[in-house]
Amino acid sequence: MSFLGVTFSGVDESVPISRLREIRSLYFNVEWGICLSIERQGMQPRFPSLDWMRRLDSELTFAALLCGRNATNFLRGDDAELLEQYGEIWPLFRRIQVNLDSQAEPINLPKIIELMEKHAKKRITFHIRDRNLEVADAVVSKGVPCSILFDQSGTPETGQKKWPKGIKRFLACGYTGGLGPDNIYKQLSFLLSAAQTARQWWVDVDACAKVTENGNEAFSLESCRRVIREFDAYFLDYTI
């Protein structure tokens, strides 16, 4: 079991790109999750414009979080619209995350596998809720590697969350849902216990990386720094 790092999801245009480089940790990698939605790109803060994304630093680590029609099309094995819209910036993303809740119709497993093999240089993650592993299991059963992100949103924010056990048949298992600077230190012992059975694991911080200022929600780099300080404090005397 090895720790891959922390993903901060939902980076928006309120963040000066030059400041992303300032976020560092001594112990793990930091990944930035960018939400991609053809319907909403540049229309809502959570979905930054293409002009903003073109200025991203290719030396940093980014994940493409497929939302809405992007996720639905991927689950049908169709990336034509995705690449038409984002082809210019596609090389920036080392990981592709697909929301399984977005599927409007039955998936096309052969086409998904074909699509994953086409993008084999990128790590494919299926974002699942309620331990719905059918799609990811079906992909792995065909010999195509993938990772999964367990989402425990909606469970109690204090005390011990019921984090699913890591599953070795997947490349890695991620954990998200209500994790942020105010509770990550308390949750780490529980996360470590759950992740012991994973090959690799990581943590995703989403909504808790946002703050409300003057009535507007914005991504907070200070929240990211606080999360990292909590991780560093926890792992200071712990060998990952």
Foldseek 3Di string as FASTA:
>chain_A
DAEAEEEEEQAFPVDDLVCVVVDDFPGHAYEYEQEDDPVCAVPDRSRDHPVVLVPHDLVHAYEYEYDAPRLQCLQQLDCPVVCVRCVVNVSSYQAYEHEPVRHPDHGDLVSNLVSCVVVVSHAYEYEDEPPPCVNVVVSLVVVRAHEYEYEPAPPDLDDEDPDAAAAASHQEYEYEYNDWLVCPLVHVVVVCVRDPNYPYYYYYYYPRQWDADPNDIHGHPVRVNSNSVSVCVNCVVPDD
